[in-house]
């Protein structure tokens, strides 16, 4: 019974640490870029968009498709960085566990 209580306490502590780490992710920022930095997208560690910055020289009314493509590319870049940030931040808690969709 004593071992079970210790195990429960360890699980609670790990859960608290994971919650703190997830909260810290919300405070961290990653920036994705496209077009040599002409389009920038800032995400937090939970992949919520914080800002989009577009260099005015990219805005051409007769060629909106290029701008749209650059925005998508910058978002994808930022999402990959956010994934890497979450993976490195949470890996000490999930080492060896296959937990798809956790982040």
PDB file of N, CA and C in Angstrom:
ATOM      1  N   UNK A   1       0.827  -1.191   0.000  1.00  0.00           N
ATOM      2  CA  UNK A   1       0.000   0.000   0.000  1.00  0.00           C
ATOM      3  C   UNK A   1       0.869   1.252   0.000  1.00  0.00           C
ATOM      4  N   UNK A   2       1.983   1.192   0.731  1.00  0.00           N
ATOM      5  CA  UNK A   2       2.881   2.336   0.790  1.00  0.00           C
ATOM      6  C   UNK A   2       3.454   2.651  -0.590  1.00  0.00           C
ATOM      7  N   UNK A   3       3.812   1.596  -1.345  1.00  0.00           N
ATOM      8  CA  UNK A   3       4.339   1.785  -2.692  1.00  0.00           C
ATOM      9  C   UNK A   3       3.298   2.415  -3.607  1.00  0.00           C
ATOM     10  N   UNK A   4       2.045   2.035  -3.429  1.00  0.00           N
ATOM     11  CA  UNK A   4       0.968   2.586  -4.253  1.00  0.00           C
ATOM     12  C   UNK A   4       0.799   4.075  -3.961  1.00  0.00           C
ATOM     13  N   UNK A   5       0.870   4.471  -2.702  1.00  0.00           N
ATOM     14  CA  UNK A   5       0.769   5.886  -2.347  1.00  0.00           C
ATOM     15  C   UNK A   5       1.929   6.689  -2.922  1.00  0.00           C
ATOM     16  N   UNK A   6       3.118   6.106  -2.875  1.00  0.00           N
ATOM     17  CA  UNK A   6       4.277   6.780  -3.457  1.00  0.00           C
ATOM     18  C   UNK A   6       4.106   6.944  -4.968  1.00  0.00           C
ATOM     19  N   UNK A   7       3.596   5.920  -5.603  1.00  0.00           N
ATOM     20  CA  UNK A   7       3.372   5.963  -7.045  1.00  0.00           C
ATOM     21  C   UNK A   7       2.339   7.036  -7.398  1.00  0.00           C
ATOM     22  N   UNK A   8       1.287   7.131  -6.620  1.00  0.00           N
ATOM     23  CA  UNK A   8       0.251   8.148  -6.845  1.00  0.00           C
ATOM     24  C   UNK A   8       0.834   9.546  -6.659  1.00  0.00           C
ATOM     25  N   UNK A   9       1.640   9.724  -5.632  1.00  0.00           N
ATOM     26  CA  UNK A   9       2.278  11.019  -5.392  1.00  0.00           C
ATOM     27  C   UNK A   9       3.212  11.397  -6.540  1.00  0.00           C
ATOM     28  N   UNK A  10       3.967  10.428  -7.047  1.00  0.00           N
ATOM     29  CA  UNK A  10       4.867  10.692  -8.172  1.00  0.00           C
ATOM     30  C   UNK A  10       4.072  11.077  -9.415  1.00  0.00           C
ATOM     31  N   UNK A  11       2.959  10.393  -9.646  1.00  0.00           N
ATOM     32  CA  UNK A  11       2.116  10.695 -10.807  1.00  0.00           C
ATOM     33  C   UNK A  11       1.529  12.103 -10.691  1.00  0.00           C
ATOM     34  N   UNK A  12       1.090  12.467  -9.503  1.00  0.00           N
ATOM     35  CA  UNK A  12       0.551  13.816  -9.293  1.00  0.00           C
ATOM     36  C   UNK A  12       1.616  14.878  -9.530  1.00  0.00           C
ATOM     37  N   UNK A  13       2.824  14.616  -9.040  1.00  0.00           N
ATOM     38  CA  UNK A  13       3.910  15.570  -9.217  1.00  0.00           C
ATOM     39  C   UNK A  13       4.245  15.724 -10.698  1.00  0.00           C
ATOM     40  N   UNK A  14       4.303  14.616 -11.409  1.00  0.00           N
ATOM     41  CA  UNK A  14       4.591  14.665 -12.836  1.00  0.00           C
ATOM     42  C   UNK A  14       3.496  15.428 -13.584  1.00  0.00           C
ATOM     43  N   UNK A  15       2.254  15.206 -13.208  1.00  0.00           N
ATOM     44  CA  UNK A  15       1.146  15.907 -13.842  1.00  0.00           C
ATOM     45  C   UNK A  15       1.250  17.417 -13.607  1.00  0.00           C
ATOM     46  N   UNK A  16       1.587  17.818 -12.393  1.00  0.00           N
ATOM     47  CA  UNK A  16       1.757  19.236 -12.081  1.00  0.00           C
ATOM     48  C   UNK A  16       2.889  19.846 -12.899  1.00  0.00           C
ATOM     49  N   UNK A  17       3.986  19.114 -13.027  1.00  0.00           N
ATOM     50  CA  UNK A  17       5.121  19.603 -13.807  1.00  0.00           C
ATOM     51  C   UNK A  17       4.762  19.737 -15.279  1.00  0.00           C
ATOM     52  N   UNK A  18       3.993  18.783 -15.805  1.00  0.00           N
ATOM     53  CA  UNK A  18       3.560  18.848 -17.202  1.00  0.00           C
ATOM     54  C   UNK A  18       2.647  20.045 -17.431  1.00  0.00           C
ATOM     55  N   UNK A  19       1.754  20.299 -16.490  1.00  0.00           N
ATOM     56  CA  UNK A  19       0.860  21.444 -16.626  1.00  0.00           C
ATOM     57  C   UNK A  19       1.643  22.759 -16.615  1.00  0.00           C
ATOM     58  N   UNK A  20       2.661  22.839 -15.772  1.00  0.00           N
ATOM     59  CA  UNK A  20       3.509  24.036 -15.741  1.00  0.00           C
ATOM     60  C   UNK A  20       4.252  24.194 -17.060  1.00  0.00           C
ATOM     61  N   UNK A  21       4.759  23.093 -17.594  1.00  0.00           N
ATOM     62  CA  UNK A  21       5.495  23.144 -18.858  1.00  0.00           C
ATOM     63  C   UNK A  21       4.581  23.566 -20.000  1.00  0.00           C
ATOM     64  N   UNK A  22       3.342  23.072 -20.005  1.00  0.00           N
ATOM     65  CA  UNK A  22       2.388  23.465 -21.046  1.00  0.00           C
ATOM     66  C   UNK A  22       2.029  24.942 -20.915  1.00  0.00           C
ATOM     67  N   UNK A  23       1.889  25.424 -19.713  1.00  0.00           N
ATOM     68  CA  UNK A  23       1.601  26.848 -19.500  1.00  0.00           C
ATOM     69  C   UNK A  23       2.778  27.695 -19.979  1.00  0.00           C
ATOM     70  N   UNK A  24       3.979  27.222 -19.747  1.00  0.00           N
ATOM     71  CA  UNK A  24       5.161  27.956 -20.199  1.00  0.00           C
ATOM     72  C   UNK A  24       5.218  28.014 -21.723  1.00  0.00           C
ATOM     73  N   UNK A  25       4.733  26.976 -22.391  1.00  0.00           N
ATOM     74  CA  UNK A  25       4.697  26.980 -23.858  1.00  0.00           C
ATOM     75  C   UNK A  25       3.851  28.138 -24.381  1.00  0.00           C
ATOM     76  N   UNK A  26       2.774  28.439 -23.702  1.00  0.00           N
ATOM     77  CA  UNK A  26       1.895  29.522 -24.143  1.00  0.00           C
ATOM     78  C   UNK A  26       2.616  30.865 -24.120  1.00  0.00           C
ATOM     79  N   UNK A  27       3.637  30.985 -23.297  1.00  0.00           N
ATOM     80  CA  UNK A  27       4.377  32.243 -23.174  1.00  0.00           C
ATOM     81  C   UNK A  27       5.516  32.342 -24.195  1.00  0.00           C
ATOM     82  N   UNK A  28       5.906  31.223 -24.782  1.00  0.00           N
ATOM     83  CA  UNK A  28       7.018  31.235 -25.726  1.00  0.00           C
ATOM     84  C   UNK A  28       6.518  31.561 -27.126  1.00  0.00           C
ATOM     85  N   UNK A  29       7.400  32.112 -27.954  1.00  0.00           N
ATOM     86  CA  UNK A  29       7.035  32.535 -29.302  1.00  0.00           C
ATOM     87  C   UNK A  29       7.999  31.925 -30.316  1.00  0.00           C
ATOM     88  N   UNK A  30       7.462  31.584 -31.475  1.00  0.00           N
ATOM     89  CA  UNK A  30       8.261  31.154 -32.615  1.00  0.00           C
ATOM     90  C   UNK A  30       7.835  31.992 -33.806  1.00  0.00           C
ATOM     91  N   UNK A  31       8.769  32.216 -34.721  1.00  0.00           N
ATOM     92  CA  UNK A  31       8.463  33.025 -35.891  1.00  0.00           C
ATOM     93  C   UNK A  31       8.756  32.221 -37.142  1.00  0.00           C
ATOM     94  N   UNK A  32       7.766  32.134 -38.006  1.00  0.00           N
ATOM     95  CA  UNK A  32       7.948  31.507 -39.308  1.00  0.00           C
ATOM     96  C   UNK A  32       8.068  32.594 -40.352  1.00  0.00           C
ATOM     97  N   UNK A  33       8.919  32.354 -41.342  1.00  0.00           N
ATOM     98  CA  UNK A  33       9.116  33.352 -42.387  1.00  0.00           C
ATOM     99  C   UNK A  33       9.009  32.723 -43.760  1.00  0.00           C
ATOM    100  N   UNK A  34       8.738  33.562 -44.740  1.00  0.00           N
ATOM    101  CA  UNK A  34       8.714  33.140 -46.135  1.00  0.00           C
ATOM    102  C   UNK A  34       9.133  34.328 -46.987  1.00  0.00           C
ATOM    103  N   UNK A  35       9.579  34.017 -48.189  1.00  0.00           N
ATOM    104  CA  UNK A  35       9.987  35.084 -49.098  1.00  0.00           C
ATOM    105  C   UNK A  35      11.175  35.867 -48.580  1.00  0.00           C
ATOM    106  N   UNK A  36      12.106  35.187 -47.952  1.00  0.00           N
ATOM    107  CA  UNK A  36      13.278  35.866 -47.426  1.00  0.00           C
ATOM    108  C   UNK A  36      12.955  36.832 -46.306  1.00  0.00           C
ATOM    109  N   UNK A  37      11.917  36.521 -45.542  1.00  0.00           N
ATOM    110  CA  UNK A  37      11.533  37.368 -44.412  1.00  0.00           C
ATOM    111  C   UNK A  37      10.514  38.436 -44.768  1.00  0.00           C
ATOM    112  N   UNK A  38       9.997  38.388 -45.992  1.00  0.00           N
ATOM    113  CA  UNK A  38       9.016  39.396 -46.402  1.00  0.00           C
ATOM    114  C   UNK A  38       7.651  39.163 -45.748  1.00  0.00           C
ATOM    115  N   UNK A  39       7.391  37.916 -45.377  1.00  0.00           N
ATOM    116  CA  UNK A  39       6.180  37.576 -44.635  1.00  0.00           C
ATOM    117  C   UNK A  39       6.622  36.837 -43.377  1.00  0.00           C
ATOM    118  N   UNK A  40       6.144  37.325 -42.239  1.00  0.00           N
ATOM    119  CA  UNK A  40       6.493  36.721 -40.955  1.00  0.00           C
ATOM    120  C   UNK A  40       5.212  36.414 -40.180  1.00  0.00           C
ATOM    121  N   UNK A  41       5.198  35.240 -39.562  1.00  0.00           N
ATOM    122  CA  UNK A  41       4.062  34.835 -38.738  1.00  0.00           C
ATOM    123  C   UNK A  41       4.601  34.438 -37.374  1.00  0.00           C
ATOM    124  N   UNK A  42       4.047  35.033 -36.328  1.00  0.00           N
ATOM    125  CA  UNK A  42       4.457  34.739 -34.956  1.00  0.00           C
ATOM    126  C   UNK A  42       3.369  33.869 -34.313  1.00  0.00           C
ATOM    127  N   UNK A  43       3.794  32.730 -33.751  1.00  0.00           N
ATOM    128  CA  UNK A  43       2.886  31.831 -33.032  1.00  0.00           C
ATOM    129  C   UNK A  43       3.379  31.683 -31.607  1.00  0.00           C
ATOM    130  N   UNK A  44       2.443  31.342 -30.699  1.00  0.00           N
ATOM    131  CA  UNK A  44       2.892  30.949 -29.367  1.00  0.00           C
ATOM    132  C   UNK A  44       3.158  29.450 -29.385  1.00  0.00           C
ATOM    133  N   UNK A  45       3.601  28.919 -28.285  1.00  0.00           N
ATOM    134  CA  UNK A  45       3.945  27.502 -28.207  1.00  0.00           C
ATOM    135  C   UNK A  45       2.783  26.553 -28.375  1.00  0.00           C
ATOM    136  N   UNK A  46       1.563  27.080 -28.351  1.00  0.00           N
ATOM    137  CA  UNK A  46       0.366  26.259 -28.580  1.00  0.00           C
ATOM    138  C   UNK A  46      -0.174  26.448 -29.988  1.00  0.00           C
ATOM    139  N   UNK A  47       0.613  27.081 -30.857  1.00  0.00           N
ATOM    140  CA  UNK A  47       0.292  27.323 -32.261  1.00  0.00           C
ATOM    141  C   UNK A  47      -0.825  28.332 -32.479  1.00  0.00           C
ATOM    142  N   UNK A  48      -1.072  29.196 -31.520  1.00  0.00           N
ATOM    143  CA  UNK A  48      -2.038  30.272 -31.717  1.00  0.00           C
ATOM    144  C   UNK A  48      -1.317  31.434 -32.391  1.00  0.00           C
ATOM    145  N   UNK A  49      -1.911  31.964 -33.451  1.00  0.00           N
ATOM    146  CA  UNK A  49      -1.296  33.060 -34.186  1.00  0.00           C
ATOM    147  C   UNK A  49      -1.307  34.306 -33.318  1.00  0.00           C
ATOM    148  N   UNK A  50      -0.129  34.912 -33.168  1.00  0.00           N
ATOM    149  CA  UNK A  50       0.012  36.128 -32.383  1.00  0.00           C
ATOM    150  C   UNK A  50       0.107  37.362 -33.279  1.00  0.00           C
ATOM    151  N   UNK A  51       0.769  37.210 -34.431  1.00  0.00           N
ATOM    152  CA  UNK A  51       0.871  38.347 -35.351  1.00  0.00           C
ATOM    153  C   UNK A  51       1.281  37.877 -36.733  1.00  0.00           C
ATOM    154  N   UNK A  52       0.966  38.709 -37.723  1.00  0.00           N
ATOM    155  CA  UNK A  52       1.385  38.516 -39.107  1.00  0.00           C
ATOM    156  C   UNK A  52       1.970  39.839 -39.573  1.00  0.00           C
ATOM    157  N   UNK A  53       3.175  39.787 -40.125  1.00  0.00           N
ATOM    158  CA  UNK A  53       3.829  40.988 -40.638  1.00  0.00           C
ATOM    159  C   UNK A  53       4.129  40.777 -42.117  1.00  0.00           C
ATOM    160  N   UNK A  54       3.695  41.740 -42.942  1.00  0.00           N
ATOM    161  CA  UNK A  54       3.891  41.642 -44.384  1.00  0.00           C
ATOM    162  C   UNK A  54       4.642  42.883 -44.863  1.00  0.00           C
ATOM    163  N   UNK A  55       5.763  42.657 -45.523  1.00  0.00           N
ATOM    164  CA  UNK A  55       6.525  43.759 -46.106  1.00  0.00           C
ATOM    165  C   UNK A  55       5.665  44.396 -47.210  1.00  0.00           C
ATOM    166  N   UNK A  56       5.480  45.699 -47.198  1.00  0.00           N
ATOM    167  CA  UNK A  56       4.637  46.370 -48.187  1.00  0.00           C
ATOM    168  C   UNK A  56       5.030  46.083 -49.641  1.00  0.00           C
ATOM    169  N   UNK A  57       6.293  45.787 -49.884  1.00  0.00           N
ATOM    170  CA  UNK A  57       6.714  45.529 -51.258  1.00  0.00           C
ATOM    171  C   UNK A  57       6.123  44.243 -51.835  1.00  0.00           C
ATOM    172  N   UNK A  58       5.623  43.374 -50.973  1.00  0.00           N
ATOM    173  CA  UNK A  58       5.029  42.117 -51.412  1.00  0.00           C
ATOM    174  C   UNK A  58       3.572  42.316 -51.837  1.00  0.00           C
ATOM    175  N   UNK A  59       2.957  43.374 -51.391  1.00  0.00           N
ATOM    176  CA  UNK A  59       1.540  43.605 -51.666  1.00  0.00           C
ATOM    177  C   UNK A  59       1.388  44.184 -53.072  1.00  0.00           C
ATOM    178  N   UNK A  60       0.963  43.321 -53.974  1.00  0.00           N
ATOM    179  CA  UNK A  60       0.723  43.731 -55.358  1.00  0.00           C
ATOM    180  C   UNK A  60      -0.678  43.285 -55.743  1.00  0.00           C
ATOM    181  N   UNK A  61      -1.592  44.236 -55.916  1.00  0.00           N
ATOM    182  CA  UNK A  61      -2.991  43.893 -56.191  1.00  0.00           C
ATOM    183  C   UNK A  61      -3.184  42.976 -57.393  1.00  0.00           C
ATOM    184  N   UNK A  62      -2.294  43.054 -58.372  1.00  0.00           N
ATOM    185  CA  UNK A  62      -2.463  42.219 -59.558  1.00  0.00           C
ATOM    186  C   UNK A  62      -1.890  40.815 -59.386  1.00  0.00           C
ATOM    187  N   UNK A  63      -1.265  40.537 -58.240  1.00  0.00           N
ATOM    188  CA  UNK A  63      -0.694  39.204 -58.006  1.00  0.00           C
ATOM    189  C   UNK A  63      -0.867  38.799 -56.545  1.00  0.00           C
ATOM    190  N   UNK A  64      -2.095  38.672 -56.125  1.00  0.00           N
ATOM    191  CA  UNK A  64      -2.426  38.314 -54.750  1.00  0.00           C
ATOM    192  C   UNK A  64      -2.017  36.877 -54.424  1.00  0.00           C
ATOM    193  N   UNK A  65      -1.971  36.013 -55.434  1.00  0.00           N
ATOM    194  CA  UNK A  65      -1.645  34.604 -55.207  1.00  0.00           C
ATOM    195  C   UNK A  65      -0.265  34.432 -54.574  1.00  0.00           C
ATOM    196  N   UNK A  66       0.697  35.249 -54.969  1.00  0.00           N
ATOM    197  CA  UNK A  66       2.039  35.150 -54.379  1.00  0.00           C
ATOM    198  C   UNK A  66       1.969  35.454 -52.879  1.00  0.00           C
ATOM    199  N   UNK A  67       1.267  36.499 -52.518  1.00  0.00           N
ATOM    200  CA  UNK A  67       1.127  36.860 -51.106  1.00  0.00           C
ATOM    201  C   UNK A  67       0.445  35.739 -50.334  1.00  0.00           C
ATOM    202  N   UNK A  68      -0.598  35.177 -50.904  1.00  0.00           N
ATOM    203  CA  UNK A  68      -1.304  34.072 -50.234  1.00  0.00           C
ATOM    204  C   UNK A  68      -0.355  32.890 -50.024  1.00  0.00           C
ATOM    205  N   UNK A  69       0.420  32.556 -51.041  1.00  0.00           N
ATOM    206  CA  UNK A  69       1.373  31.452 -50.923  1.00  0.00           C
ATOM    207  C   UNK A  69       2.425  31.731 -49.851  1.00  0.00           C
ATOM    208  N   UNK A  70       2.900  32.981 -49.787  1.00  0.00           N
ATOM    209  CA  UNK A  70       3.905  33.337 -48.780  1.00  0.00           C
ATOM    210  C   UNK A  70       3.336  33.239 -47.365  1.00  0.00           C
ATOM    211  N   UNK A  71       2.083  33.638 -47.187  1.00  0.00           N
ATOM    212  CA  UNK A  71       1.450  33.542 -45.863  1.00  0.00           C
ATOM    213  C   UNK A  71       1.331  32.080 -45.436  1.00  0.00           C
ATOM    214  N   UNK A  72       0.894  31.225 -46.359  1.00  0.00           N
ATOM    215  CA  UNK A  72       0.778  29.795 -46.053  1.00  0.00           C
ATOM    216  C   UNK A  72       2.143  29.210 -45.709  1.00  0.00           C
ATOM    217  N   UNK A  73       3.165  29.572 -46.481  1.00  0.00           N
ATOM    218  CA  UNK A  73       4.511  29.052 -46.222  1.00  0.00           C
ATOM    219  C   UNK A  73       5.037  29.522 -44.869  1.00  0.00           C
ATOM    220  N   UNK A  74       4.799  30.782 -44.528  1.00  0.00           N
ATOM    221  CA  UNK A  74       5.251  31.299 -43.230  1.00  0.00           C
ATOM    222  C   UNK A  74       4.515  30.603 -42.089  1.00  0.00           C
ATOM    223  N   UNK A  75       3.222  30.355 -42.257  1.00  0.00           N
ATOM    224  CA  UNK A  75       2.452  29.636 -41.231  1.00  0.00           C
ATOM    225  C   UNK A  75       2.994  28.217 -41.046  1.00  0.00           C
ATOM    226  N   UNK A  76       3.276  27.545 -42.140  1.00  0.00           N
ATOM    227  CA  UNK A  76       3.796  26.185 -42.039  1.00  0.00           C
ATOM    228  C   UNK A  76       5.157  26.172 -41.347  1.00  0.00           C
ATOM    229  N   UNK A  77       5.993  27.148 -41.672  1.00  0.00           N
ATOM    230  CA  UNK A  77       7.305  27.249 -41.031  1.00  0.00           C
ATOM    231  C   UNK A  77       7.151  27.469 -39.529  1.00  0.00           C
ATOM    232  N   UNK A  78       6.264  28.379 -39.155  1.00  0.00           N
ATOM    233  CA  UNK A  78       6.040  28.655 -37.728  1.00  0.00           C
ATOM    234  C   UNK A  78       5.460  27.439 -37.009  1.00  0.00           C
ATOM    235  N   UNK A  79       4.549  26.719 -37.657  1.00  0.00           N
ATOM    236  CA  UNK A  79       3.972  25.534 -37.029  1.00  0.00           C
ATOM    237  C   UNK A  79       5.021  24.458 -36.805  1.00  0.00           C
ATOM    238  N   UNK A  80       5.926  24.290 -37.753  1.00  0.00           N
ATOM    239  CA  UNK A  80       7.004  23.314 -37.567  1.00  0.00           C
ATOM    240  C   UNK A  80       7.887  23.704 -36.388  1.00  0.00           C
ATOM    241  N   UNK A  81       8.162  24.991 -36.259  1.00  0.00           N
ATOM    242  CA  UNK A  81       8.973  25.455 -35.131  1.00  0.00           C
ATOM    243  C   UNK A  81       8.230  25.267 -33.805  1.00  0.00           C
ATOM    244  N   UNK A  82       6.923  25.522 -33.813  1.00  0.00           N
ATOM    245  CA  UNK A  82       6.130  25.327 -32.594  1.00  0.00           C
ATOM    246  C   UNK A  82       6.091  23.852 -32.211  1.00  0.00           C
ATOM    247  N   UNK A  83       5.998  22.977 -33.209  1.00  0.00           N
ATOM    248  CA  UNK A  83       6.035  21.534 -32.932  1.00  0.00           C
ATOM    249  C   UNK A  83       7.366  21.144 -32.287  1.00  0.00           C
ATOM    250  N   UNK A  84       8.450  21.664 -32.847  1.00  0.00           N
ATOM    251  CA  UNK A  84       9.778  21.350 -32.300  1.00  0.00           C
ATOM    252  C   UNK A  84       9.920  21.893 -30.883  1.00  0.00           C
ATOM    253  N   UNK A  85       9.399  23.086 -30.643  1.00  0.00           N
ATOM    254  CA  UNK A  85       9.444  23.681 -29.308  1.00  0.00           C
ATOM    255  C   UNK A  85       8.670  22.819 -28.308  1.00  0.00           C
ATOM    256  N   UNK A  86       7.462  22.413 -28.683  1.00  0.00           N
ATOM    257  CA  UNK A  86       6.646  21.580 -27.800  1.00  0.00           C
ATOM    258  C   UNK A  86       7.312  20.236 -27.551  1.00  0.00           C
ATOM    259  N   UNK A  87       7.866  19.658 -28.601  1.00  0.00           N
ATOM    260  CA  UNK A  87       8.535  18.359 -28.471  1.00  0.00           C
ATOM    261  C   UNK A  87       9.711  18.448 -27.495  1.00  0.00           C
ATOM    262  N   UNK A  88      10.537  19.474 -27.665  1.00  0.00           N
ATOM    263  CA  UNK A  88      11.701  19.582 -26.781  1.00  0.00           C
ATOM    264  C   UNK A  88      11.293  19.932 -25.356  1.00  0.00           C
ATOM    265  N   UNK A  89      10.252  20.708 -25.208  1.00  0.00           N
ATOM    266  CA  UNK A  89       9.800  21.121 -23.883  1.00  0.00           C
ATOM    267  C   UNK A  89       9.133  19.978 -23.115  1.00  0.00           C
ATOM    268  N   UNK A  90       8.393  19.149 -23.816  1.00  0.00           N
ATOM    269  CA  UNK A  90       7.608  18.115 -23.152  1.00  0.00           C
ATOM    270  C   UNK A  90       8.250  16.726 -23.205  1.00  0.00           C
ATOM    271  N   UNK A  91       9.337  16.570 -23.959  1.00  0.00           N
ATOM    272  CA  UNK A  91       9.905  15.236 -24.149  1.00  0.00           C
ATOM    273  C   UNK A  91      10.363  14.574 -22.854  1.00  0.00           C
ATOM    274  N   UNK A  92      10.765  15.368 -21.869  1.00  0.00           N
ATOM    275  CA  UNK A  92      11.221  14.742 -20.623  1.00  0.00           C
ATOM    276  C   UNK A  92      10.065  14.082 -19.868  1.00  0.00           C
ATOM    277  N   UNK A  93       8.836  14.476 -20.193  1.00  0.00           N
ATOM    278  CA  UNK A  93       7.675  13.877 -19.536  1.00  0.00           C
ATOM    279  C   UNK A  93       7.086  12.726 -20.348  1.00  0.00           C
ATOM    280  N   UNK A  94       7.331  12.731 -21.650  1.00  0.00           N
ATOM    281  CA  UNK A  94       6.697  11.733 -22.512  1.00  0.00           C
ATOM    282  C   UNK A  94       7.691  10.758 -23.115  1.00  0.00           C
ATOM    283  N   UNK A  95       8.921  10.780 -22.652  1.00  0.00           N
ATOM    284  CA  UNK A  95       9.945   9.901 -23.202  1.00  0.00           C
ATOM    285  C   UNK A  95       9.454   8.453 -23.258  1.00  0.00           C
ATOM    286  N   UNK A  96       9.505   7.911 -24.472  1.00  0.00           N
ATOM    287  CA  UNK A  96       9.141   6.505 -24.641  1.00  0.00           C
ATOM    288  C   UNK A  96       7.658   6.249 -24.727  1.00  0.00           C
ATOM    289  N   UNK A  97       6.840   7.268 -24.529  1.00  0.00           N
ATOM    290  CA  UNK A  97       5.390   7.075 -24.617  1.00  0.00           C
ATOM    291  C   UNK A  97       4.922   7.516 -26.000  1.00  0.00           C
ATOM    292  N   UNK A  98       4.024   6.762 -26.565  1.00  0.00           N
ATOM    293  CA  UNK A  98       3.424   7.144 -27.836  1.00  0.00           C
ATOM    294  C   UNK A  98       2.082   7.790 -27.508  1.00  0.00           C
ATOM    295  N   UNK A  99       2.042   9.132 -27.527  1.00  0.00           N
ATOM    296  CA  UNK A  99       0.838   9.856 -27.133  1.00  0.00           C
ATOM    297  C   UNK A  99       0.412  10.807 -28.262  1.00  0.00           C
ATOM    298  N   UNK A 100      -0.095  10.237 -29.387  1.00  0.00           N
ATOM    299  CA  UNK A 100      -0.474  11.096 -30.502  1.00  0.00           C
ATOM    300  C   UNK A 100      -1.565  12.092 -30.095  1.00  0.00           C
ATOM    301  N   UNK A 101      -1.428  13.293 -30.611  1.00  0.00           N
ATOM    302  CA  UNK A 101      -2.447  14.306 -30.341  1.00  0.00           C
ATOM    303  C   UNK A 101      -2.319  15.009 -29.009  1.00  0.00           C
ATOM    304  N   UNK A 102      -1.316  14.666 -28.210  1.00  0.00           N
ATOM    305  CA  UNK A 102      -1.167  15.288 -26.897  1.00  0.00           C
ATOM    306  C   UNK A 102      -0.851  16.754 -27.036  1.00  0.00           C
ATOM    307  N   UNK A 103      -0.074  17.120 -28.069  1.00  0.00           N
ATOM    308  CA  UNK A 103       0.322  18.513 -28.246  1.00  0.00           C
ATOM    309  C   UNK A 103      -0.338  19.040 -29.468  1.00  0.00           C
TER     310      UNK A 103
END
